[in-house]
C-alpha atoms as a PDB file:
ATOM      1  CA  UNK A   1      89.323   6.377  17.979  1.00  0.00           C
ATOM      2  CA  UNK A   2      92.322   4.268  16.952  1.00  0.00           C
ATOM      3  CA  UNK A   3      90.986   1.312  18.972  1.00  0.00           C
ATOM      4  CA  UNK A   4      87.613   1.538  17.180  1.00  0.00           C
ATOM      5  CA  UNK A   5      89.361   1.551  13.810  1.00  0.00           C
ATOM      6  CA  UNK A   6      91.291  -1.574  14.792  1.00  0.00           C
ATOM      7  CA  UNK A   7      88.106  -3.206  16.087  1.00  0.00           C
ATOM      8  CA  UNK A   8      86.311  -2.480  12.811  1.00  0.00           C
ATOM      9  CA  UNK A   9      89.207  -3.831  10.761  1.00  0.00           C
ATOM     10  CA  UNK A  10      89.232  -6.990  12.870  1.00  0.00           C
ATOM     11  CA  UNK A  11      85.466  -7.295  12.507  1.00  0.00           C
ATOM     12  CA  UNK A  12      85.624  -7.037   8.734  1.00  0.00           C
ATOM     13  CA  UNK A  13      88.492  -9.559   8.581  1.00  0.00           C
ATOM     14  CA  UNK A  14      86.494 -11.945  10.763  1.00  0.00           C
ATOM     15  CA  UNK A  15      83.421 -11.507   8.594  1.00  0.00           C
ATOM     16  CA  UNK A  16      85.391 -12.289   5.442  1.00  0.00           C
ATOM     17  CA  UNK A  17      86.755 -15.476   7.041  1.00  0.00           C
ATOM     18  CA  UNK A  18      83.277 -16.449   8.212  1.00  0.00           C
ATOM     19  CA  UNK A  19      81.692 -15.946   4.808  1.00  0.00           C
ATOM     20  CA  UNK A  20      84.403 -18.053   3.218  1.00  0.00           C
ATOM     21  CA  UNK A  21      83.845 -20.776   5.831  1.00  0.00           C
ATOM     22  CA  UNK A  22      80.131 -21.247   5.141  1.00  0.00           C
ATOM     23  CA  UNK A  23      77.087 -21.144   7.466  1.00  0.00           C
ATOM     24  CA  UNK A  24      76.638 -18.369  10.016  1.00  0.00           C
ATOM     25  CA  UNK A  25      78.044 -18.741  13.500  1.00  0.00           C
ATOM     26  CA  UNK A  26      75.883 -19.571  16.511  1.00  0.00           C
ATOM     27  CA  UNK A  27      73.739 -16.893  18.169  1.00  0.00           C
ATOM     28  CA  UNK A  28      75.818 -14.209  19.851  1.00  0.00           C
ATOM     29  CA  UNK A  29      75.849 -14.143  23.639  1.00  0.00           C
ATOM     30  CA  UNK A  30      76.520 -10.383  23.584  1.00  0.00           C
ATOM     31  CA  UNK A  31      74.102  -9.003  20.988  1.00  0.00           C
ATOM     32  CA  UNK A  32      70.318  -9.446  20.801  1.00  0.00           C
ATOM     33  CA  UNK A  33      68.690 -10.921  17.678  1.00  0.00           C
ATOM     34  CA  UNK A  34      66.730  -7.674  17.208  1.00  0.00           C
ATOM     35  CA  UNK A  35      68.429  -4.275  17.139  1.00  0.00           C
ATOM     36  CA  UNK A  36      66.976  -0.834  16.484  1.00  0.00           C
ATOM     37  CA  UNK A  37      69.687   1.560  15.291  1.00  0.00           C
ATOM     38  CA  UNK A  38      69.248   5.277  14.594  1.00  0.00           C
ATOM     39  CA  UNK A  39      71.386   8.253  13.754  1.00  0.00           C
ATOM     40  CA  UNK A  40      71.204  11.934  12.922  1.00  0.00           C
ATOM     41  CA  UNK A  41      72.614  14.348  10.350  1.00  0.00           C
ATOM     42  CA  UNK A  42      71.228  12.958   8.122  1.00  0.00           C
ATOM     43  CA  UNK A  43      68.548  10.954   9.896  1.00  0.00           C
ATOM     44  CA  UNK A  44      68.513   7.191   9.392  1.00  0.00           C
ATOM     45  CA  UNK A  45      67.092   4.040  11.011  1.00  0.00           C
ATOM     46  CA  UNK A  46      68.099   0.389  10.645  1.00  0.00           C
ATOM     47  CA  UNK A  47      65.921  -2.273  12.272  1.00  0.00           C
ATOM     48  CA  UNK A  48      67.611  -5.662  12.329  1.00  0.00           C
ATOM     49  CA  UNK A  49      65.640  -8.832  13.056  1.00  0.00           C
ATOM     50  CA  UNK A  50      67.927 -11.816  12.532  1.00  0.00           C
ATOM     51  CA  UNK A  51      68.404 -12.304   8.784  1.00  0.00           C
ATOM     52  CA  UNK A  52      66.117  -9.454   7.758  1.00  0.00           C
ATOM     53  CA  UNK A  53      66.300  -5.710   8.253  1.00  0.00           C
ATOM     54  CA  UNK A  54      64.649  -2.475   7.185  1.00  0.00           C
ATOM     55  CA  UNK A  55      66.604   0.653   6.342  1.00  0.00           C
ATOM     56  CA  UNK A  56      65.218   4.164   6.020  1.00  0.00           C
ATOM     57  CA  UNK A  57      67.179   7.377   5.481  1.00  0.00           C
ATOM     58  CA  UNK A  58      66.183  10.934   4.697  1.00  0.00           C
ATOM     59  CA  UNK A  59      67.924  10.560   1.322  1.00  0.00           C
ATOM     60  CA  UNK A  60      65.992   7.411   0.275  1.00  0.00           C
ATOM     61  CA  UNK A  61      62.555   7.701  -1.345  1.00  0.00           C
ATOM     62  CA  UNK A  62      61.265   4.606   0.530  1.00  0.00           C
ATOM     63  CA  UNK A  63      62.231   2.100   3.220  1.00  0.00           C
ATOM     64  CA  UNK A  64      64.425  -0.723   1.900  1.00  0.00           C
ATOM     65  CA  UNK A  65      63.849  -4.333   2.969  1.00  0.00           C
ATOM     66  CA  UNK A  66      67.133  -6.205   3.361  1.00  0.00           C
ATOM     67  CA  UNK A  67      68.109  -9.852   3.577  1.00  0.00           C
ATOM     68  CA  UNK A  68      71.412 -10.730   5.174  1.00  0.00           C
ATOM     69  CA  UNK A  69      73.321 -12.313   8.007  1.00  0.00           C
ATOM     70  CA  UNK A  70      75.406 -11.350  10.966  1.00  0.00           C
ATOM     71  CA  UNK A  71      78.738 -12.338  12.375  1.00  0.00           C
ATOM     72  CA  UNK A  72      79.390 -11.720  16.067  1.00  0.00           C
ATOM     73  CA  UNK A  73      82.940 -11.233  17.222  1.00  0.00           C
ATOM     74  CA  UNK A  74      82.234 -11.669  20.926  1.00  0.00           C
ATOM     75  CA  UNK A  75      85.911 -12.316  21.672  1.00  0.00           C
ATOM     76  CA  UNK A  76      86.893  -8.733  20.791  1.00  0.00           C
ATOM     77  CA  UNK A  77      87.037  -6.064  23.482  1.00  0.00           C
ATOM     78  CA  UNK A  78      84.596  -4.460  23.091  1.00  0.00           C
ATOM     79  CA  UNK A  79      82.526  -7.107  21.253  1.00  0.00           C
ATOM     80  CA  UNK A  80      81.553  -6.315  17.641  1.00  0.00           C
ATOM     81  CA  UNK A  81      78.664  -7.470  15.462  1.00  0.00           C
ATOM     82  CA  UNK A  82      78.860  -7.108  11.673  1.00  0.00           C
ATOM     83  CA  UNK A  83      75.553  -7.341   9.814  1.00  0.00           C
ATOM     84  CA  UNK A  84      75.741  -7.485   6.004  1.00  0.00           C
ATOM     85  CA  UNK A  85      72.642  -7.440   3.827  1.00  0.00           C
ATOM     86  CA  UNK A  86      71.466  -6.730   0.304  1.00  0.00           C
ATOM     87  CA  UNK A  87      68.491  -4.904  -1.142  1.00  0.00           C
ATOM     88  CA  UNK A  88      67.083  -3.979  -4.525  1.00  0.00           C
ATOM     89  CA  UNK A  89      67.921  -4.807  -8.101  1.00  0.00           C
ATOM     90  CA  UNK A  90      70.712  -4.475  -8.906  1.00  0.00           C
ATOM     91  CA  UNK A  91      71.559  -5.600  -5.398  1.00  0.00           C
ATOM     92  CA  UNK A  92      73.267  -3.068  -3.186  1.00  0.00           C
ATOM     93  CA  UNK A  93      75.168  -4.193  -0.095  1.00  0.00           C
ATOM     94  CA  UNK A  94      74.606  -2.553   3.283  1.00  0.00           C
ATOM     95  CA  UNK A  95      77.087  -3.202   6.121  1.00  0.00           C
ATOM     96  CA  UNK A  96      76.498  -2.312   9.773  1.00  0.00           C
ATOM     97  CA  UNK A  97      79.337  -2.584  12.291  1.00  0.00           C
ATOM     98  CA  UNK A  98      77.838  -2.532  15.792  1.00  0.00           C
ATOM     99  CA  UNK A  99      80.020  -2.262  18.882  1.00  0.00           C
ATOM    100  CA  UNK A 100      79.088  -2.897  22.493  1.00  0.00           C
ATOM    101  CA  UNK A 101      79.926   0.554  23.843  1.00  0.00           C
ATOM    102  CA  UNK A 102      77.943   3.410  25.362  1.00  0.00           C
ATOM    103  CA  UNK A 103      76.512   5.672  22.668  1.00  0.00           C
ATOM    104  CA  UNK A 104      74.866   9.053  23.124  1.00  0.00           C
ATOM    105  CA  UNK A 105      72.266  10.460  20.750  1.00  0.00           C
ATOM    106  CA  UNK A 106      73.725  13.618  19.209  1.00  0.00           C
ATOM    107  CA  UNK A 107      70.324  15.353  19.138  1.00  0.00           C
ATOM    108  CA  UNK A 108      68.825  14.408  22.517  1.00  0.00           C
ATOM    109  CA  UNK A 109      69.625  14.222  26.199  1.00  0.00           C
ATOM    110  CA  UNK A 110      69.156  11.010  28.082  1.00  0.00           C
ATOM    111  CA  UNK A 111      70.822   7.804  29.080  1.00  0.00           C
ATOM    112  CA  UNK A 112      73.272   6.176  26.668  1.00  0.00           C
ATOM    113  CA  UNK A 113      72.315   3.438  24.258  1.00  0.00           C
ATOM    114  CA  UNK A 114      74.169   0.133  24.855  1.00  0.00           C
ATOM    115  CA  UNK A 115      75.619  -0.098  21.327  1.00  0.00           C
ATOM    116  CA  UNK A 116      77.250   2.233  18.802  1.00  0.00           C
ATOM    117  CA  UNK A 117      76.917   1.700  15.052  1.00  0.00           C
ATOM    118  CA  UNK A 118      78.644   2.604  11.810  1.00  0.00           C
ATOM    119  CA  UNK A 119      76.552   1.950   8.714  1.00  0.00           C
ATOM    120  CA  UNK A 120      77.972   1.789   5.180  1.00  0.00           C
ATOM    121  CA  UNK A 121      75.181   2.261   2.652  1.00  0.00           C
ATOM    122  CA  UNK A 122      77.186   2.911  -0.510  1.00  0.00           C
ATOM    123  CA  UNK A 123      80.670   3.876  -1.622  1.00  0.00           C
ATOM    124  CA  UNK A 124      79.918   7.459  -0.630  1.00  0.00           C
ATOM    125  CA  UNK A 125      77.458   7.130   2.283  1.00  0.00           C
ATOM    126  CA  UNK A 126      78.554   6.195   5.790  1.00  0.00           C
ATOM    127  CA  UNK A 127      76.433   6.952   8.851  1.00  0.00           C
ATOM    128  CA  UNK A 128      77.096   6.791  12.589  1.00  0.00           C
ATOM    129  CA  UNK A 129      74.583   6.305  15.363  1.00  0.00           C
ATOM    130  CA  UNK A 130      73.375   4.233  18.292  1.00  0.00           C
ATOM    131  CA  UNK A 131      71.480   0.951  18.764  1.00  0.00           C
ATOM    132  CA  UNK A 132      69.344  -0.671  21.401  1.00  0.00           C
END
C-alpha cells in the first residue's frame, strides 16, 4: 500500500510538471489510448478515449462528458497514467490515476484486469476499481 501511495504522489508531481511544461507527452507505450474502468460500492464507470471520456456513477443523475488529457509515467515501476479532465459549468475536475497492476473485481470472480484505478471525482468522492 505504501508503494502505491508513493507511486500516486510521483504521478501527481509528474503531471504538475507536465502541465507547466506545455503540450502533452507522446503516446504511452504501456497504456492503450482507450480504457474502460469500473468499480463497485458505489458503482461507477469511466470510459477514456484519448482526450475525451464519459463518467457515470450511481450518485450522478446523468453521464458526464469530459474533456482532458493524460500523462503517462512509463518510467515508474509499476507504470502510472494520470488522466485529468473537466466537465460541466462550473467546471469540475476529475482525476484518474491508473496503474499497471493486476486488479480483481470486488463483486465478481474471474481473471484480473490489467490495470487498477483510483478516481477522484470531488473533494469528498474517491473511487477505486479496475480498467481494461
